Structures are given as structure tokens and as C-alpha cells.
Amino acid sequence: MVEKVITLENVSLVDFLGADNQNIRRIAAAFPGSKIVSRGNEIKLQGPTEVISRVNDILSSLIEHYHQYGVVTDRDVNLHLAGASEEAEGRILAASPDVILFGAKGGVIKAKTPNQQKLVDAVLKHDLTFTLGPAGTGKTYISVALAVRALKNKEVKKIIISRPVVEAGESLGFLPGDMKEKVDPYLRPIYDALEDMIPAEKLKFYQENKIIEIAPLAYMR
């Protein structure tokens, strides 16, 4: 067991800790082996060395966030906790080469057929990969999983997902709605795959900040 004290300087306690210390309580709930107590402008941490090290990293990052934006919201805390989980996930993935990544609900995502494994191997070895096959064989799902894995591992800075949305010679122009409403039905399998692999709040953050972009091929420039 170790103890650590963090002193908050030039910080509004309500804006940083949240109403009734809800931000601190949320972090403590995410690390059952830890004890986090806030008194005045000090936060006292107690628990196993590895756990306290991770909690300290999260709080330090949130302090930087506060000094940049002036407030720490529930969403900010959730995103920082998700980031800590991704680091732990990365260590597990490194030790499990057959696992592509863990889904939003914790399930394992990996190749289930020899041809899916060939696709995984090809993507990992080559900069550009083409895959052909019947519908329902996992081409889209495995490809999206590999892209999300690369993003989580910081191998890429963003993902742009595109696909043709109409047959050659057809036009989206007379379909009702804006561009997103026109193409959503064609891109539904990609949305479904992303929702399986990334928690909803994190996926929303990625899309709002253009870290993940989905666009029909005809609209790309």
C-alpha cells in the first residue's frame, strides 16, 4: 500500500471536483482497490502501487485539462477513465496476438475463420489491402476492427471510412434528406461495427472531433 497527496493550486474546487465531489467519487468507483479523499485543496490517495500510479496519472491529466478549459465535467472524467482502460487493453493485446481488440462491452474480437485470419495477416503486413468475398463473411467487420485497433494503439491519428453508396451511374441527388440521411442506410454495417467496438461516449467524441470520419466514396475529395 502506498499513499500520495496531490495539492490543487489555482483551482476552483467545485469546478474541478464537481458537485459533492462527484468527479472524485467516479474515479474511486473505477478503481475499487483505491481510497481517494478530498480535504480542502488536497487529494489523498491510498492503495496498491500500480492502482495509485494510474489514479495519479488520471488526476494529473484532469488538472491539465482544468487549467486549459476551466472546468471538469462528467464527460471529461469518463473520457480520461476510458483512456486509462485503453492503455491497459493495449498491454493485454500485445500479449495476445490472436486478439484484434476488446469490444465496447468487453468481449473479444478476433478472426473466426481461416480467411478472416488471412485478412488480418495481410493488413498487418501491407500498407494497402484489397479483400473480396461473399456478403456476411466478415470483411467489413474485421477491417473496421483492425482500424480501431490501430487508432487505440496510436499507430494512426484518425480513421476515414468510405464505401460506394450507389451503383455506377446512379445518383443520390433525388433521395430525401441531407447528405448524412442519404448515405446512412448504406453505411449502417460500419456504424454497427463501430458501436460494437467503441463505447458510445468515446465514439461520439471521436466523431465530433473528426478522429473518425465516415464518408461515401462519391463525396471524397
C-alpha atoms as a PDB file:
ATOM      1  CA  MET A   1       0.000   0.000   0.000  1.00  0.00           C
ATOM      2  CA  VAL A   2       1.192   3.495  -0.822  1.00  0.00           C
ATOM      3  CA  GLU A   3      -0.072   6.979  -0.047  1.00  0.00           C
ATOM      4  CA  LYS A   4       0.181  10.092  -2.163  1.00  0.00           C
ATOM      5  CA  VAL A   5      -1.069  13.637  -1.672  1.00  0.00           C
ATOM      6  CA  ILE A   6      -1.936  15.899  -4.606  1.00  0.00           C
ATOM      7  CA  THR A   7      -2.169  19.625  -3.890  1.00  0.00           C
ATOM      8  CA  LEU A   8      -4.529  21.631  -6.078  1.00  0.00           C
ATOM      9  CA  GLU A   9      -3.239  25.110  -6.876  1.00  0.00           C
ATOM     10  CA  ASN A  10      -5.204  27.891  -8.589  1.00  0.00           C
ATOM     11  CA  VAL A  11      -8.195  25.583  -8.920  1.00  0.00           C
ATOM     12  CA  SER A  12     -11.885  26.169  -8.187  1.00  0.00           C
ATOM     13  CA  LEU A  13     -12.734  23.085  -6.130  1.00  0.00           C
ATOM     14  CA  VAL A  14     -16.365  22.989  -7.282  1.00  0.00           C
ATOM     15  CA  ASP A  15     -15.395  23.201 -10.955  1.00  0.00           C
ATOM     16  CA  PHE A  16     -12.681  20.559 -10.585  1.00  0.00           C
ATOM     17  CA  LEU A  17     -14.168  18.116  -8.061  1.00  0.00           C
ATOM     18  CA  GLY A  18     -17.775  18.507  -9.208  1.00  0.00           C
ATOM     19  CA  ALA A  19     -20.853  18.925  -7.043  1.00  0.00           C
ATOM     20  CA  ASP A  20     -20.487  16.895  -3.839  1.00  0.00           C
ATOM     21  CA  ASN A  21     -17.085  15.637  -5.092  1.00  0.00           C
ATOM     22  CA  GLN A  22     -18.815  13.563  -7.777  1.00  0.00           C
ATOM     23  CA  ASN A  23     -15.762  13.546 -10.067  1.00  0.00           C
ATOM     24  CA  ILE A  24     -13.560  12.077  -7.328  1.00  0.00           C
ATOM     25  CA  ARG A  25     -16.235   9.534  -6.411  1.00  0.00           C
ATOM     26  CA  ARG A  26     -16.497   8.443 -10.038  1.00  0.00           C
ATOM     27  CA  ILE A  27     -12.726   7.861 -10.250  1.00  0.00           C
ATOM     28  CA  ALA A  28     -12.712   5.973  -6.938  1.00  0.00           C
ATOM     29  CA  ALA A  29     -15.537   3.732  -8.186  1.00  0.00           C
ATOM     30  CA  ALA A  30     -13.472   2.865 -11.276  1.00  0.00           C
ATOM     31  CA  PHE A  31     -10.578   1.689  -9.056  1.00  0.00           C
ATOM     32  CA  PRO A  32     -12.098  -0.416  -6.243  1.00  0.00           C
ATOM     33  CA  GLY A  33      -8.684  -1.003  -4.661  1.00  0.00           C
ATOM     34  CA  SER A  34      -8.131   2.701  -4.091  1.00  0.00           C
ATOM     35  CA  LYS A  35      -9.169   5.196  -1.431  1.00  0.00           C
ATOM     36  CA  ILE A  36      -9.458   8.816  -2.541  1.00  0.00           C
ATOM     37  CA  VAL A  37     -10.205  11.541  -0.007  1.00  0.00           C
ATOM     38  CA  SER A  38     -10.516  15.258  -0.767  1.00  0.00           C
ATOM     39  CA  ARG A  39      -9.935  17.769   2.024  1.00  0.00           C
ATOM     40  CA  GLY A  40      -9.591  21.434   1.179  1.00  0.00           C
ATOM     41  CA  ASN A  41      -7.192  21.779  -1.718  1.00  0.00           C
ATOM     42  CA  GLU A  42      -5.575  18.369  -1.118  1.00  0.00           C
ATOM     43  CA  ILE A  43      -6.485  14.980  -2.551  1.00  0.00           C
ATOM     44  CA  LYS A  44      -5.123  11.999  -0.640  1.00  0.00           C
ATOM     45  CA  LEU A  45      -4.662   8.702  -2.489  1.00  0.00           C
ATOM     46  CA  GLN A  46      -4.178   5.334  -0.816  1.00  0.00           C
ATOM     47  CA  GLY A  47      -3.955   1.860  -2.327  1.00  0.00           C
ATOM     48  CA  PRO A  48      -1.740  -0.599  -4.242  1.00  0.00           C
ATOM     49  CA  THR A  49       1.212   0.985  -6.043  1.00  0.00           C
ATOM     50  CA  GLU A  50       0.028   0.253  -9.598  1.00  0.00           C
ATOM     51  CA  VAL A  51      -3.529   1.435  -8.895  1.00  0.00           C
ATOM     52  CA  ILE A  52      -2.404   4.672  -7.253  1.00  0.00           C
ATOM     53  CA  SER A  53       0.011   5.316 -10.107  1.00  0.00           C
ATOM     54  CA  ARG A  54      -2.872   5.089 -12.608  1.00  0.00           C
ATOM     55  CA  VAL A  55      -5.171   7.255 -10.457  1.00  0.00           C
ATOM     56  CA  ASN A  56      -2.409   9.838 -10.108  1.00  0.00           C
ATOM     57  CA  ASP A  57      -1.921   9.901 -13.894  1.00  0.00           C
ATOM     58  CA  ILE A  58      -5.652  10.450 -14.450  1.00  0.00           C
ATOM     59  CA  LEU A  59      -5.858  13.243 -11.869  1.00  0.00           C
ATOM     60  CA  SER A  60      -2.736  14.926 -13.258  1.00  0.00           C
ATOM     61  CA  SER A  61      -4.248  14.839 -16.741  1.00  0.00           C
ATOM     62  CA  LEU A  62      -7.543  16.240 -15.422  1.00  0.00           C
ATOM     63  CA  ILE A  63      -5.665  19.069 -13.686  1.00  0.00           C
ATOM     64  CA  GLU A  64      -4.054  19.969 -17.022  1.00  0.00           C
ATOM     65  CA  HIS A  65      -7.500  19.794 -18.629  1.00  0.00           C
ATOM     66  CA  TYR A  66      -8.922  22.119 -15.956  1.00  0.00           C
ATOM     67  CA  HIS A  67      -6.187  24.717 -16.453  1.00  0.00           C
ATOM     68  CA  GLN A  68      -6.917  24.660 -20.183  1.00  0.00           C
ATOM     69  CA  TYR A  69     -10.740  24.706 -20.092  1.00  0.00           C
ATOM     70  CA  GLY A  70     -11.633  25.926 -16.581  1.00  0.00           C
ATOM     71  CA  VAL A  71     -13.940  23.046 -15.668  1.00  0.00           C
ATOM     72  CA  VAL A  72     -14.029  19.242 -15.425  1.00  0.00           C
ATOM     73  CA  THR A  73     -17.326  17.618 -16.435  1.00  0.00           C
ATOM     74  CA  ASP A  74     -18.693  14.078 -16.080  1.00  0.00           C
ATOM     75  CA  ARG A  75     -17.867  13.556 -19.738  1.00  0.00           C
ATOM     76  CA  ASP A  76     -14.253  14.648 -19.205  1.00  0.00           C
ATOM     77  CA  VAL A  77     -13.849  12.178 -16.342  1.00  0.00           C
ATOM     78  CA  ASN A  78     -15.382   9.352 -18.386  1.00  0.00           C
ATOM     79  CA  LEU A  79     -13.081  10.031 -21.333  1.00  0.00           C
ATOM     80  CA  HIS A  80      -9.986  10.083 -19.111  1.00  0.00           C
ATOM     81  CA  LEU A  81     -11.074   6.832 -17.459  1.00  0.00           C
ATOM     82  CA  ALA A  82     -11.635   5.307 -20.906  1.00  0.00           C
ATOM     83  CA  GLY A  83      -8.137   6.396 -21.903  1.00  0.00           C
ATOM     84  CA  ALA A  84      -6.676   4.611 -18.875  1.00  0.00           C
ATOM     85  CA  SER A  85      -8.621   1.482 -19.824  1.00  0.00           C
ATOM     86  CA  GLU A  86      -7.243   1.663 -23.360  1.00  0.00           C
ATOM     87  CA  GLU A  87      -3.670   1.693 -22.041  1.00  0.00           C
ATOM     88  CA  ALA A  88      -4.365  -1.445 -20.015  1.00  0.00           C
ATOM     89  CA  GLU A  89      -6.072  -3.004 -23.038  1.00  0.00           C
ATOM     90  CA  GLY A  90      -3.011  -2.257 -25.158  1.00  0.00           C
ATOM     91  CA  ARG A  91      -0.784  -4.200 -22.776  1.00  0.00           C
ATOM     92  CA  ILE A  92      -3.155  -7.191 -22.914  1.00  0.00           C
ATOM     93  CA  LEU A  93      -3.381  -7.074 -26.709  1.00  0.00           C
ATOM     94  CA  ALA A  94       0.414  -7.061 -27.002  1.00  0.00           C
ATOM     95  CA  ALA A  95       0.466 -10.351 -25.097  1.00  0.00           C
ATOM     96  CA  SER A  96      -2.416 -11.863 -27.131  1.00  0.00           C
ATOM     97  CA  PRO A  97      -1.547 -11.631 -30.848  1.00  0.00           C
ATOM     98  CA  ASP A  98      -4.679 -13.558 -31.947  1.00  0.00           C
ATOM     99  CA  VAL A  99      -6.989 -10.943 -30.371  1.00  0.00           C
ATOM    100  CA  ILE A 100      -7.682  -7.883 -32.545  1.00  0.00           C
ATOM    101  CA  LEU A 101      -9.245  -5.839 -29.731  1.00  0.00           C
ATOM    102  CA  PHE A 102     -11.844  -5.899 -26.961  1.00  0.00           C
ATOM    103  CA  GLY A 103     -15.348  -4.710 -27.788  1.00  0.00           C
ATOM    104  CA  ALA A 104     -17.308  -1.922 -26.092  1.00  0.00           C
ATOM    105  CA  LYS A 105     -18.804  -4.468 -23.677  1.00  0.00           C
ATOM    106  CA  GLY A 106     -15.535  -6.288 -23.027  1.00  0.00           C
ATOM    107  CA  GLY A 107     -15.958  -9.155 -25.487  1.00  0.00           C
ATOM    108  CA  VAL A 108     -13.015 -10.439 -27.514  1.00  0.00           C
ATOM    109  CA  ILE A 109     -12.935  -9.552 -31.218  1.00  0.00           C
ATOM    110  CA  LYS A 110     -10.735 -11.831 -33.310  1.00  0.00           C
ATOM    111  CA  ALA A 111     -10.685 -13.699 -36.608  1.00  0.00           C
ATOM    112  CA  LYS A 112     -13.094 -16.655 -36.537  1.00  0.00           C
ATOM    113  CA  THR A 113     -12.305 -18.283 -39.885  1.00  0.00           C
ATOM    114  CA  PRO A 114      -9.089 -19.026 -41.800  1.00  0.00           C
ATOM    115  CA  ASN A 115      -9.970 -16.420 -44.433  1.00  0.00           C
ATOM    116  CA  GLN A 116     -10.596 -13.762 -41.784  1.00  0.00           C
ATOM    117  CA  GLN A 117      -7.176 -14.572 -40.328  1.00  0.00           C
ATOM    118  CA  LYS A 118      -5.658 -14.172 -43.804  1.00  0.00           C
ATOM    119  CA  LEU A 119      -7.227 -10.706 -43.959  1.00  0.00           C
ATOM    120  CA  VAL A 120      -5.779  -9.806 -40.547  1.00  0.00           C
ATOM    121  CA  ASP A 121      -2.314 -11.019 -41.561  1.00  0.00           C
ATOM    122  CA  ALA A 122      -2.457  -9.138 -44.879  1.00  0.00           C
ATOM    123  CA  VAL A 123      -3.495  -5.839 -43.262  1.00  0.00           C
ATOM    124  CA  LEU A 124      -0.720  -6.105 -40.674  1.00  0.00           C
ATOM    125  CA  LYS A 125       1.912  -6.794 -43.350  1.00  0.00           C
ATOM    126  CA  HIS A 126       0.886  -4.404 -46.133  1.00  0.00           C
ATOM    127  CA  ASP A 127       0.018  -0.711 -46.462  1.00  0.00           C
ATOM    128  CA  LEU A 128      -2.852  -1.391 -48.875  1.00  0.00           C
ATOM    129  CA  THR A 129      -5.093  -4.462 -48.825  1.00  0.00           C
ATOM    130  CA  PHE A 130      -7.991  -5.473 -51.086  1.00  0.00           C
ATOM    131  CA  THR A 131     -10.391  -8.182 -49.953  1.00  0.00           C
ATOM    132  CA  LEU A 132     -13.113  -9.928 -51.949  1.00  0.00           C
ATOM    133  CA  GLY A 133     -15.747 -12.352 -50.761  1.00  0.00           C
ATOM    134  CA  PRO A 134     -19.457 -13.111 -50.345  1.00  0.00           C
ATOM    135  CA  ALA A 135     -21.663 -10.934 -48.142  1.00  0.00           C
ATOM    136  CA  GLY A 136     -21.645 -11.837 -44.465  1.00  0.00           C
ATOM    137  CA  THR A 137     -18.115 -13.231 -44.319  1.00  0.00           C
ATOM    138  CA  GLY A 138     -16.752 -10.504 -42.022  1.00  0.00           C
ATOM    139  CA  LYS A 139     -14.862  -8.328 -44.495  1.00  0.00           C
ATOM    140  CA  THR A 140     -16.241  -5.032 -43.182  1.00  0.00           C
ATOM    141  CA  TYR A 141     -16.279  -6.051 -39.510  1.00  0.00           C
ATOM    142  CA  ILE A 142     -12.687  -7.288 -39.420  1.00  0.00           C
ATOM    143  CA  SER A 143     -11.461  -4.277 -41.403  1.00  0.00           C
ATOM    144  CA  VAL A 144     -13.137  -1.837 -39.003  1.00  0.00           C
ATOM    145  CA  ALA A 145     -11.748  -3.768 -36.015  1.00  0.00           C
ATOM    146  CA  LEU A 146      -8.209  -3.502 -37.378  1.00  0.00           C
ATOM    147  CA  ALA A 147      -8.642   0.237 -37.959  1.00  0.00           C
ATOM    148  CA  VAL A 148      -9.935   0.787 -34.414  1.00  0.00           C
ATOM    149  CA  ARG A 149      -7.045  -1.264 -33.031  1.00  0.00           C
ATOM    150  CA  ALA A 150      -4.547   0.914 -34.925  1.00  0.00           C
ATOM    151  CA  LEU A 151      -6.202   4.059 -33.544  1.00  0.00           C
ATOM    152  CA  LYS A 152      -6.162   2.765 -29.965  1.00  0.00           C
ATOM    153  CA  ASN A 153      -2.518   1.759 -30.326  1.00  0.00           C
ATOM    154  CA  LYS A 154      -1.706   5.266 -31.642  1.00  0.00           C
ATOM    155  CA  GLU A 155      -0.425   3.773 -34.906  1.00  0.00           C
ATOM    156  CA  VAL A 156      -2.697   6.234 -36.750  1.00  0.00           C
ATOM    157  CA  LYS A 157      -4.097   9.649 -35.807  1.00  0.00           C
ATOM    158  CA  LYS A 158      -7.506   9.270 -37.421  1.00  0.00           C
ATOM    159  CA  ILE A 159      -9.715   6.874 -39.362  1.00  0.00           C
ATOM    160  CA  ILE A 160     -11.550   7.729 -42.575  1.00  0.00           C
ATOM    161  CA  ILE A 161     -14.048   5.040 -43.544  1.00  0.00           C
ATOM    162  CA  SER A 162     -15.537   5.186 -47.017  1.00  0.00           C
ATOM    163  CA  ARG A 163     -17.511   2.963 -49.330  1.00  0.00           C
ATOM    164  CA  PRO A 164     -19.525   3.311 -52.555  1.00  0.00           C
ATOM    165  CA  VAL A 165     -23.150   4.039 -51.667  1.00  0.00           C
ATOM    166  CA  VAL A 166     -24.817   3.628 -55.079  1.00  0.00           C
ATOM    167  CA  GLU A 167     -24.301   1.518 -58.152  1.00  0.00           C
ATOM    168  CA  ALA A 168     -22.348   3.017 -61.055  1.00  0.00           C
ATOM    169  CA  GLY A 169     -24.406   5.542 -62.982  1.00  0.00           C
ATOM    170  CA  GLU A 170     -26.900   6.192 -60.148  1.00  0.00           C
ATOM    171  CA  SER A 171     -27.242   9.399 -58.160  1.00  0.00           C
ATOM    172  CA  LEU A 172     -28.064  10.323 -54.565  1.00  0.00           C
ATOM    173  CA  GLY A 173     -29.353  13.729 -55.621  1.00  0.00           C
ATOM    174  CA  PHE A 174     -33.074  12.937 -55.610  1.00  0.00           C
ATOM    175  CA  LEU A 175     -33.121  10.985 -52.347  1.00  0.00           C
ATOM    176  CA  PRO A 176     -34.738  12.900 -49.444  1.00  0.00           C
ATOM    177  CA  GLY A 177     -32.710  14.445 -46.629  1.00  0.00           C
ATOM    178  CA  ASP A 178     -29.241  15.884 -46.228  1.00  0.00           C
ATOM    179  CA  MET A 179     -26.063  14.044 -47.203  1.00  0.00           C
ATOM    180  CA  LYS A 180     -25.886  12.113 -43.911  1.00  0.00           C
ATOM    181  CA  GLU A 181     -29.518  10.987 -44.175  1.00  0.00           C
ATOM    182  CA  LYS A 182     -28.974   9.939 -47.794  1.00  0.00           C
ATOM    183  CA  VAL A 183     -25.982   7.700 -47.073  1.00  0.00           C
ATOM    184  CA  ASP A 184     -26.713   6.346 -43.560  1.00  0.00           C
ATOM    185  CA  PRO A 185     -28.550   3.217 -44.823  1.00  0.00           C
ATOM    186  CA  TYR A 186     -25.539   2.284 -46.964  1.00  0.00           C
ATOM    187  CA  LEU A 187     -23.103   2.813 -44.083  1.00  0.00           C
ATOM    188  CA  ARG A 188     -25.175   1.060 -41.388  1.00  0.00           C
ATOM    189  CA  PRO A 189     -22.889  -2.023 -41.215  1.00  0.00           C
ATOM    190  CA  ILE A 190     -19.927   0.258 -40.478  1.00  0.00           C
ATOM    191  CA  TYR A 191     -21.832   2.161 -37.772  1.00  0.00           C
ATOM    192  CA  ASP A 192     -22.893  -1.159 -36.213  1.00  0.00           C
ATOM    193  CA  ALA A 193     -19.293  -2.388 -36.168  1.00  0.00           C
ATOM    194  CA  LEU A 194     -18.005   0.826 -34.562  1.00  0.00           C
ATOM    195  CA  GLU A 195     -20.730   0.691 -31.890  1.00  0.00           C
ATOM    196  CA  ASP A 196     -19.677  -2.885 -31.090  1.00  0.00           C
ATOM    197  CA  MET A 197     -16.059  -1.839 -30.631  1.00  0.00           C
ATOM    198  CA  ILE A 198     -16.079   1.626 -29.022  1.00  0.00           C
ATOM    199  CA  PRO A 199     -18.122   2.844 -26.010  1.00  0.00           C
ATOM    200  CA  ALA A 200     -20.869   5.261 -27.090  1.00  0.00           C
ATOM    201  CA  GLU A 201     -19.398   8.307 -25.336  1.00  0.00           C
ATOM    202  CA  LYS A 202     -15.943   7.668 -26.771  1.00  0.00           C
ATOM    203  CA  LEU A 203     -17.326   7.099 -30.276  1.00  0.00           C
ATOM    204  CA  LYS A 204     -19.265  10.370 -30.074  1.00  0.00           C
ATOM    205  CA  PHE A 205     -16.066  12.164 -29.024  1.00  0.00           C
ATOM    206  CA  TYR A 206     -14.128  10.642 -31.937  1.00  0.00           C
ATOM    207  CA  GLN A 207     -16.791  11.658 -34.463  1.00  0.00           C
ATOM    208  CA  GLU A 208     -17.295  15.180 -33.094  1.00  0.00           C
ATOM    209  CA  ASN A 209     -13.537  15.793 -33.259  1.00  0.00           C
ATOM    210  CA  LYS A 210     -13.154  14.238 -36.733  1.00  0.00           C
ATOM    211  CA  ILE A 211     -10.912  11.484 -35.374  1.00  0.00           C
ATOM    212  CA  ILE A 212     -13.266   9.005 -37.026  1.00  0.00           C
ATOM    213  CA  GLU A 213     -14.896  10.182 -40.252  1.00  0.00           C
ATOM    214  CA  ILE A 214     -17.370   8.218 -42.323  1.00  0.00           C
ATOM    215  CA  ALA A 215     -17.969   9.400 -45.886  1.00  0.00           C
ATOM    216  CA  PRO A 216     -19.346   7.931 -49.105  1.00  0.00           C
ATOM    217  CA  LEU A 217     -16.754   7.483 -51.822  1.00  0.00           C
ATOM    218  CA  ALA A 218     -18.572   9.846 -54.203  1.00  0.00           C
ATOM    219  CA  TYR A 219     -18.220  12.727 -51.699  1.00  0.00           C
ATOM    220  CA  MET A 220     -14.497  12.346 -51.015  1.00  0.00           C
ATOM    221  CA  ARG A 221     -12.127  14.949 -52.449  1.00  0.00           C
END
